[in-house]
PDB file of N, CA and C in Angstrom:
ATOM      1  N   MET A   1      59.743 105.264  -9.829  1.00  0.00           N
ATOM      2  CA  MET A   1      59.434 104.203  -8.893  1.00  0.00           C
ATOM      3  C   MET A   1      60.506 104.181  -7.802  1.00  0.00           C
ATOM      4  N   ALA A   2      60.093 104.176  -6.586  1.00  0.00           N
ATOM      5  CA  ALA A   2      61.015 104.148  -5.452  1.00  0.00           C
ATOM      6  C   ALA A   2      60.998 102.768  -4.806  1.00  0.00           C
ATOM      7  N   LEU A   3      62.112 102.408  -4.212  1.00  0.00           N
ATOM      8  CA  LEU A   3      62.198 101.149  -3.485  1.00  0.00           C
ATOM      9  C   LEU A   3      61.909 101.393  -2.014  1.00  0.00           C
ATOM     10  N   ALA A   4      61.189 100.484  -1.419  1.00  0.00           N
ATOM     11  CA  ALA A   4      60.880 100.592   0.000  1.00  0.00           C
ATOM     12  C   ALA A   4      61.880  99.769   0.803  1.00  0.00           C
ATOM     13  N   VAL A   5      62.210 100.253   1.949  1.00  0.00           N
ATOM     14  CA  VAL A   5      63.086  99.509   2.856  1.00  0.00           C
ATOM     15  C   VAL A   5      62.229  98.491   3.585  1.00  0.00           C
ATOM     16  N   ILE A   6      62.683  97.261   3.558  1.00  0.00           N
ATOM     17  CA  ILE A   6      61.953  96.184   4.234  1.00  0.00           C
ATOM     18  C   ILE A   6      62.819  95.684   5.371  1.00  0.00           C
ATOM     19  N   ARG A   7      62.231  95.572   6.521  1.00  0.00           N
ATOM     20  CA  ARG A   7      62.996  95.033   7.641  1.00  0.00           C
ATOM     21  C   ARG A   7      62.284  93.801   8.163  1.00  0.00           C
ATOM     22  N   ASN A   8      63.064  92.847   8.566  1.00  0.00           N
ATOM     23  CA  ASN A   8      62.534  91.588   9.074  1.00  0.00           C
ATOM     24  C   ASN A   8      62.127  91.780  10.529  1.00  0.00           C
ATOM     25  N   ILE A   9      60.867  91.530  10.833  1.00  0.00           N
ATOM     26  CA  ILE A   9      60.390  91.708  12.204  1.00  0.00           C
ATOM     27  C   ILE A   9      60.296  90.385  12.960  1.00  0.00           C
ATOM     28  N   SER A  10      60.628  89.291  12.275  1.00  0.00           N
ATOM     29  CA  SER A  10      60.591  88.003  12.971  1.00  0.00           C
ATOM     30  C   SER A  10      61.874  87.829  13.779  1.00  0.00           C
ATOM     31  N   PRO A  11      61.819  87.050  14.841  1.00  0.00           N
ATOM     32  CA  PRO A  11      63.023  86.857  15.659  1.00  0.00           C
ATOM     33  C   PRO A  11      64.087  86.088  14.882  1.00  0.00           C
ATOM     34  N   ALA A  12      65.336  86.311  15.229  1.00  0.00           N
ATOM     35  CA  ALA A  12      66.434  85.607  14.577  1.00  0.00           C
ATOM     36  C   ALA A  12      66.314  84.111  14.832  1.00  0.00           C
ATOM     37  N   ARG A  13      66.539  83.351  13.793  1.00  0.00           N
ATOM     38  CA  ARG A  13      66.449  81.895  13.903  1.00  0.00           C
ATOM     39  C   ARG A  13      67.796  81.340  14.341  1.00  0.00           C
ATOM     40  N   THR A  14      67.788  80.443  15.273  1.00  0.00           N
ATOM     41  CA  THR A  14      69.040  79.824  15.711  1.00  0.00           C
ATOM     42  C   THR A  14      69.173  78.461  15.059  1.00  0.00           C
ATOM     43  N   LEU A  15      70.391  78.069  14.860  1.00  0.00           N
ATOM     44  CA  LEU A  15      70.700  76.765  14.286  1.00  0.00           C
ATOM     45  C   LEU A  15      71.501  75.998  15.329  1.00  0.00           C
ATOM     46  N   PRO A  16      70.811  75.210  16.145  1.00  0.00           N
ATOM     47  CA  PRO A  16      71.459  74.607  17.314  1.00  0.00           C
ATOM     48  C   PRO A  16      72.499  73.535  17.015  1.00  0.00           C
ATOM     49  N   THR A  17      72.368  72.827  15.911  1.00  0.00           N
ATOM     50  CA  THR A  17      73.315  71.751  15.642  1.00  0.00           C
ATOM     51  C   THR A  17      74.090  72.024  14.359  1.00  0.00           C
ATOM     52  N   GLN A  18      75.214  71.350  14.215  1.00  0.00           N
ATOM     53  CA  GLN A  18      76.016  71.472  12.997  1.00  0.00           C
ATOM     54  C   GLN A  18      75.223  70.982  11.792  1.00  0.00           C
ATOM     55  N   ARG A  19      74.383  69.984  11.999  1.00  0.00           N
ATOM     56  CA  ARG A  19      73.535  69.468  10.902  1.00  0.00           C
ATOM     57  C   ARG A  19      72.565  70.553  10.432  1.00  0.00           C
ATOM     58  N   ASP A  20      71.999  71.326  11.362  1.00  0.00           N
ATOM     59  CA  ASP A  20      71.108  72.426  10.997  1.00  0.00           C
ATOM     60  C   ASP A  20      71.841  73.482  10.174  1.00  0.00           C
ATOM     61  N   VAL A  21      73.087  73.771  10.542  1.00  0.00           N
ATOM     62  CA  VAL A  21      73.900  74.738   9.800  1.00  0.00           C
ATOM     63  C   VAL A  21      74.129  74.232   8.381  1.00  0.00           C
ATOM     64  N   LYS A  22      74.523  72.966   8.234  1.00  0.00           N
ATOM     65  CA  LYS A  22      74.773  72.387   6.913  1.00  0.00           C
ATOM     66  C   LYS A  22      73.502  72.365   6.068  1.00  0.00           C
ATOM     67  N   ASP A  23      72.378  72.046   6.675  1.00  0.00           N
ATOM     68  CA  ASP A  23      71.105  72.045   5.947  1.00  0.00           C
ATOM     69  C   ASP A  23      70.751  73.438   5.455  1.00  0.00           C
ATOM     70  N   PHE A  24      70.987  74.450   6.287  1.00  0.00           N
ATOM     71  CA  PHE A  24      70.700  75.825   5.900  1.00  0.00           C
ATOM     72  C   PHE A  24      71.623  76.275   4.776  1.00  0.00           C
ATOM     73  N   GLU A  25      72.913  75.914   4.866  1.00  0.00           N
ATOM     74  CA  GLU A  25      73.849  76.232   3.789  1.00  0.00           C
ATOM     75  C   GLU A  25      73.399  75.584   2.481  1.00  0.00           C
ATOM     76  N   GLN A  26      72.958  74.343   2.559  1.00  0.00           N
ATOM     77  CA  GLN A  26      72.472  73.637   1.358  1.00  0.00           C
ATOM     78  C   GLN A  26      71.270  74.359   0.765  1.00  0.00           C
ATOM     79  N   ARG A  27      70.382  74.836   1.608  1.00  0.00           N
ATOM     80  CA  ARG A  27      69.207  75.568   1.141  1.00  0.00           C
ATOM     81  C   ARG A  27      69.615  76.861   0.429  1.00  0.00           C
ATOM     82  N   ILE A  28      70.620  77.548   0.968  1.00  0.00           N
ATOM     83  CA  ILE A  28      71.110  78.777   0.329  1.00  0.00           C
ATOM     84  C   ILE A  28      71.660  78.463  -1.063  1.00  0.00           C
ATOM     85  N   VAL A  29      72.487  77.435  -1.167  1.00  0.00           N
ATOM     86  CA  VAL A  29      73.086  77.070  -2.453  1.00  0.00           C
ATOM     87  C   VAL A  29      72.003  76.641  -3.441  1.00  0.00           C
ATOM     88  N   ASN A  30      71.009  75.902  -2.988  1.00  0.00           N
ATOM     89  CA  ASN A  30      69.920  75.487  -3.866  1.00  0.00           C
ATOM     90  C   ASN A  30      69.141  76.684  -4.392  1.00  0.00           C
ATOM     91  N   LEU A  31      68.908  77.674  -3.540  1.00  0.00           N
ATOM     92  CA  LEU A  31      68.197  78.876  -3.989  1.00  0.00           C
ATOM     93  C   LEU A  31      69.019  79.659  -5.003  1.00  0.00           C
ATOM     94  N   VAL A  32      70.321  79.752  -4.776  1.00  0.00           N
ATOM     95  CA  VAL A  32      71.183  80.427  -5.752  1.00  0.00           C
ATOM     96  C   VAL A  32      71.111  79.699  -7.093  1.00  0.00           C
ATOM     97  N   ALA A  33      71.178  78.376  -7.074  1.00  0.00           N
ATOM     98  CA  ALA A  33      71.094  77.593  -8.311  1.00  0.00           C
ATOM     99  C   ALA A  33      69.758  77.817  -9.012  1.00  0.00           C
ATOM    100  N   LEU A  34      68.691  77.898  -8.256  1.00  0.00           N
ATOM    101  CA  LEU A  34      67.364  78.147  -8.836  1.00  0.00           C
ATOM    102  C   LEU A  34      67.308  79.510  -9.508  1.00  0.00           C
ATOM    103  N   PHE A  35      67.848  80.527  -8.851  1.00  0.00           N
ATOM    104  CA  PHE A  35      67.846  81.875  -9.429  1.00  0.00           C
ATOM    105  C   PHE A  35      68.726  81.943 -10.675  1.00  0.00           C
ATOM    106  N   VAL A  36      69.861  81.255 -10.649  1.00  0.00           N
ATOM    107  CA  VAL A  36      70.753  81.244 -11.803  1.00  0.00           C
ATOM    108  C   VAL A  36      70.093  80.502 -12.964  1.00  0.00           C
ATOM    109  N   ALA A  37      69.410  79.411 -12.664  1.00  0.00           N
ATOM    110  CA  ALA A  37      68.701  78.671 -13.712  1.00  0.00           C
ATOM    111  C   ALA A  37      67.607  79.534 -14.343  1.00  0.00           C
ATOM    112  N   ALA A  38      66.962  80.349 -13.538  1.00  0.00           N
ATOM    113  CA  ALA A  38      65.927  81.244 -14.061  1.00  0.00           C
ATOM    114  C   ALA A  38      66.518  82.292 -15.000  1.00  0.00           C
ATOM    115  N   ALA A  39      67.819  82.545 -14.886  1.00  0.00           N
ATOM    116  CA  ALA A  39      68.502  83.493 -15.769  1.00  0.00           C
ATOM    117  C   ALA A  39      68.986  82.799 -17.044  1.00  0.00           C
ATOM    118  N   ASN A  40      68.571  81.536 -17.247  1.00  0.00           N
ATOM    119  CA  ASN A  40      68.872  80.759 -18.460  1.00  0.00           C
ATOM    120  C   ASN A  40      70.352  80.424 -18.637  1.00  0.00           C
ATOM    121  N   LEU A  41      71.075  80.264 -17.553  1.00  0.00           N
ATOM    122  CA  LEU A  41      72.449  79.796 -17.659  1.00  0.00           C
ATOM    123  C   LEU A  41      72.442  78.276 -17.797  1.00  0.00           C
ATOM    124  N   THR A  42      73.502  77.723 -18.344  1.00  0.00           N
ATOM    125  CA  THR A  42      73.530  76.291 -18.633  1.00  0.00           C
ATOM    126  C   THR A  42      73.675  75.454 -17.368  1.00  0.00           C
ATOM    127  N   ASP A  43      73.279  74.195 -17.494  1.00  0.00           N
ATOM    128  CA  ASP A  43      73.400  73.271 -16.366  1.00  0.00           C
ATOM    129  C   ASP A  43      74.849  73.107 -15.930  1.00  0.00           C
ATOM    130  N   SER A  44      75.764  73.079 -16.895  1.00  0.00           N
ATOM    131  CA  SER A  44      77.183  72.913 -16.520  1.00  0.00           C
ATOM    132  C   SER A  44      77.685  74.137 -15.753  1.00  0.00           C
ATOM    133  N   HIS A  45      77.231  75.321 -16.141  1.00  0.00           N
ATOM    134  CA  HIS A  45      77.629  76.529 -15.401  1.00  0.00           C
ATOM    135  C   HIS A  45      77.078  76.474 -13.975  1.00  0.00           C
ATOM    136  N   ILE A  46      75.834  76.086 -13.841  1.00  0.00           N
ATOM    137  CA  ILE A  46      75.218  75.995 -12.513  1.00  0.00           C
ATOM    138  C   ILE A  46      75.943  74.949 -11.670  1.00  0.00           C
ATOM    139  N   GLY A  47      76.263  73.804 -12.257  1.00  0.00           N
ATOM    140  CA  GLY A  47      76.990  72.762 -11.526  1.00  0.00           C
ATOM    141  C   GLY A  47      78.367  73.214 -11.086  1.00  0.00           C
ATOM    142  N   ASN A  48      79.067  73.929 -11.971  1.00  0.00           N
ATOM    143  CA  ASN A  48      80.390  74.445 -11.616  1.00  0.00           C
ATOM    144  C   ASN A  48      80.300  75.489 -10.509  1.00  0.00           C
ATOM    145  N   ALA A  49      79.304  76.341 -10.573  1.00  0.00           N
ATOM    146  CA  ALA A  49      79.127  77.361  -9.530  1.00  0.00           C
ATOM    147  C   ALA A  49      78.820  76.704  -8.188  1.00  0.00           C
ATOM    148  N   ARG A  50      77.949  75.693  -8.187  1.00  0.00           N
ATOM    149  CA  ARG A  50      77.630  74.977  -6.940  1.00  0.00           C
ATOM    150  C   ARG A  50      78.878  74.316  -6.371  1.00  0.00           C
ATOM    151  N   ALA A  51      79.685  73.699  -7.232  1.00  0.00           N
ATOM    152  CA  ALA A  51      80.910  73.042  -6.767  1.00  0.00           C
ATOM    153  C   ALA A  51      81.866  74.057  -6.139  1.00  0.00           C
ATOM    154  N   ALA A  52      81.968  75.230  -6.755  1.00  0.00           N
ATOM    155  CA  ALA A  52      82.847  76.274  -6.208  1.00  0.00           C
ATOM    156  C   ALA A  52      82.346  76.753  -4.846  1.00  0.00           C
ATOM    157  N   ILE A  53      81.037  76.915  -4.709  1.00  0.00           N
ATOM    158  CA  ILE A  53      80.472  77.354  -3.426  1.00  0.00           C
ATOM    159  C   ILE A  53      80.725  76.301  -2.351  1.00  0.00           C
ATOM    160  N   PHE A  54      80.506  75.024  -2.685  1.00  0.00           N
ATOM    161  CA  PHE A  54      80.728  73.971  -1.697  1.00  0.00           C
ATOM    162  C   PHE A  54      82.203  73.877  -1.304  1.00  0.00           C
ATOM    163  N   GLU A  55      83.102  74.052  -2.263  1.00  0.00           N
ATOM    164  CA  GLU A  55      84.536  74.048  -1.938  1.00  0.00           C
ATOM    165  C   GLU A  55      84.870  75.216  -1.015  1.00  0.00           C
ATOM    166  N   PHE A  56      84.291  76.371  -1.295  1.00  0.00           N
ATOM    167  CA  PHE A  56      84.525  77.542  -0.456  1.00  0.00           C
ATOM    168  C   PHE A  56      84.027  77.295   0.967  1.00  0.00           C
ATOM    169  N   THR A  57      82.869  76.655   1.115  1.00  0.00           N
ATOM    170  CA  THR A  57      82.357  76.392   2.465  1.00  0.00           C
ATOM    171  C   THR A  57      83.270  75.438   3.227  1.00  0.00           C
ATOM    172  N   ARG A  58      83.946  74.541   2.512  1.00  0.00           N
ATOM    173  CA  ARG A  58      84.864  73.614   3.186  1.00  0.00           C
ATOM    174  C   ARG A  58      86.096  74.326   3.726  1.00  0.00           C
ATOM    175  N   ILE A  59      86.559  75.370   3.039  1.00  0.00           N
ATOM    176  CA  ILE A  59      87.784  76.042   3.491  1.00  0.00           C
ATOM    177  C   ILE A  59      87.509  77.265   4.353  1.00  0.00           C
ATOM    178  N   SER A  60      86.268  77.706   4.421  1.00  0.00           N
ATOM    179  CA  SER A  60      85.974  78.908   5.217  1.00  0.00           C
ATOM    180  C   SER A  60      85.948  78.556   6.702  1.00  0.00           C
ATOM    181  N   SER A  61      86.109  79.568   7.516  1.00  0.00           N
ATOM    182  CA  SER A  61      86.257  79.348   8.950  1.00  0.00           C
ATOM    183  C   SER A  61      84.938  79.210   9.702  1.00  0.00           C
ATOM    184  N   GLY A  62      83.839  79.513   9.057  1.00  0.00           N
ATOM    185  CA  GLY A  62      82.545  79.438   9.731  1.00  0.00           C
ATOM    186  C   GLY A  62      81.432  79.161   8.737  1.00  0.00           C
ATOM    187  N   PRO A  63      80.198  79.369   9.152  1.00  0.00           N
ATOM    188  CA  PRO A  63      79.076  79.156   8.240  1.00  0.00           C
ATOM    189  C   PRO A  63      79.169  80.062   7.009  1.00  0.00           C
ATOM    190  N   LEU A  64      78.576  79.626   5.927  1.00  0.00           N
ATOM    191  CA  LEU A  64      78.640  80.324   4.649  1.00  0.00           C
ATOM    192  C   LEU A  64      78.203  81.778   4.752  1.00  0.00           C
ATOM    193  N   TRP A  65      77.149  82.047   5.480  1.00  0.00           N
ATOM    194  CA  TRP A  65      76.603  83.404   5.548  1.00  0.00           C
ATOM    195  C   TRP A  65      77.441  84.347   6.406  1.00  0.00           C
ATOM    196  N   THR A  66      78.471  83.822   7.075  1.00  0.00           N
ATOM    197  CA  THR A  66      79.358  84.688   7.856  1.00  0.00           C
ATOM    198  C   THR A  66      80.692  84.921   7.151  1.00  0.00           C
ATOM    199  N   ALA A  67      80.851  84.380   5.935  1.00  0.00           N
ATOM    200  CA  ALA A  67      82.111  84.486   5.217  1.00  0.00           C
ATOM    201  C   ALA A  67      82.434  85.941   4.890  1.00  0.00           C
ATOM    202  N   SER A  68      83.730  86.217   4.882  1.00  0.00           N
ATOM    203  CA  SER A  68      84.194  87.559   4.538  1.00  0.00           C
ATOM    204  C   SER A  68      85.295  87.441   3.491  1.00  0.00           C
ATOM    205  N   CYS A  69      85.811  88.565   3.073  1.00  0.00           N
ATOM    206  CA  CYS A  69      86.912  88.572   2.100  1.00  0.00           C
ATOM    207  C   CYS A  69      88.125  87.825   2.645  1.00  0.00           C
ATOM    208  N   ASP A  70      88.347  87.905   3.942  1.00  0.00           N
ATOM    209  CA  ASP A  70      89.490  87.212   4.540  1.00  0.00           C
ATOM    210  C   ASP A  70      89.378  85.697   4.365  1.00  0.00           C
ATOM    211  N   ASP A  71      88.166  85.161   4.364  1.00  0.00           N
ATOM    212  CA  ASP A  71      87.988  83.723   4.149  1.00  0.00           C
ATOM    213  C   ASP A  71      88.384  83.322   2.733  1.00  0.00           C
ATOM    214  N   ALA A  72      88.222  84.228   1.789  1.00  0.00           N
ATOM    215  CA  ALA A  72      88.555  83.921   0.396  1.00  0.00           C
ATOM    216  C   ALA A  72      90.023  84.174   0.081  1.00  0.00           C
ATOM    217  N   ASP A  73      90.734  84.841   0.952  1.00  0.00           N
ATOM    218  CA  ASP A  73      92.142  85.170   0.721  1.00  0.00           C
ATOM    219  C   ASP A  73      93.018  84.005   1.177  1.00  0.00           C
ATOM    220  N   LEU A  74      93.400  83.161   0.229  1.00  0.00           N
ATOM    221  CA  LEU A  74      94.179  81.973   0.565  1.00  0.00           C
ATOM    222  C   LEU A  74      95.585  82.297   1.029  1.00  0.00           C
ATOM    223  N   SER A  75      96.073  83.504   0.728  1.00  0.00           N
ATOM    224  CA  SER A  75      97.423  83.863   1.169  1.00  0.00           C
ATOM    225  C   SER A  75      97.498  84.060   2.674  1.00  0.00           C
ATOM    226  N   ARG A  76      96.366  84.206   3.336  1.00  0.00           N
ATOM    227  CA  ARG A  76      96.338  84.402   4.792  1.00  0.00           C
ATOM    228  C   ARG A  76      96.302  83.081   5.551  1.00  0.00           C
ATOM    229  N   ARG A  77      96.281  82.005   4.858  1.00  0.00           N
ATOM    230  CA  ARG A  77      96.170  80.692   5.518  1.00  0.00           C
ATOM    231  C   ARG A  77      97.518  80.122   5.821  1.00  0.00           C
TER     232      ARG A  77
END
């Protein structure tokens, strides 16, 4: 079985306001929690993972989806 390359042909979506960015970040975290729950991990594990992601978004320099290794390196701050 081979995997096919899928490319998105829809135009890039813009997030004009900071509220739109925060809403999109929340949607990403909710989807991650849903996928983790489907893997039968415990509620406490999912809650801890969500808390870690939200803490990371508070200390990162930009939106969650633009984070890099440098954002996670606290020694550079």
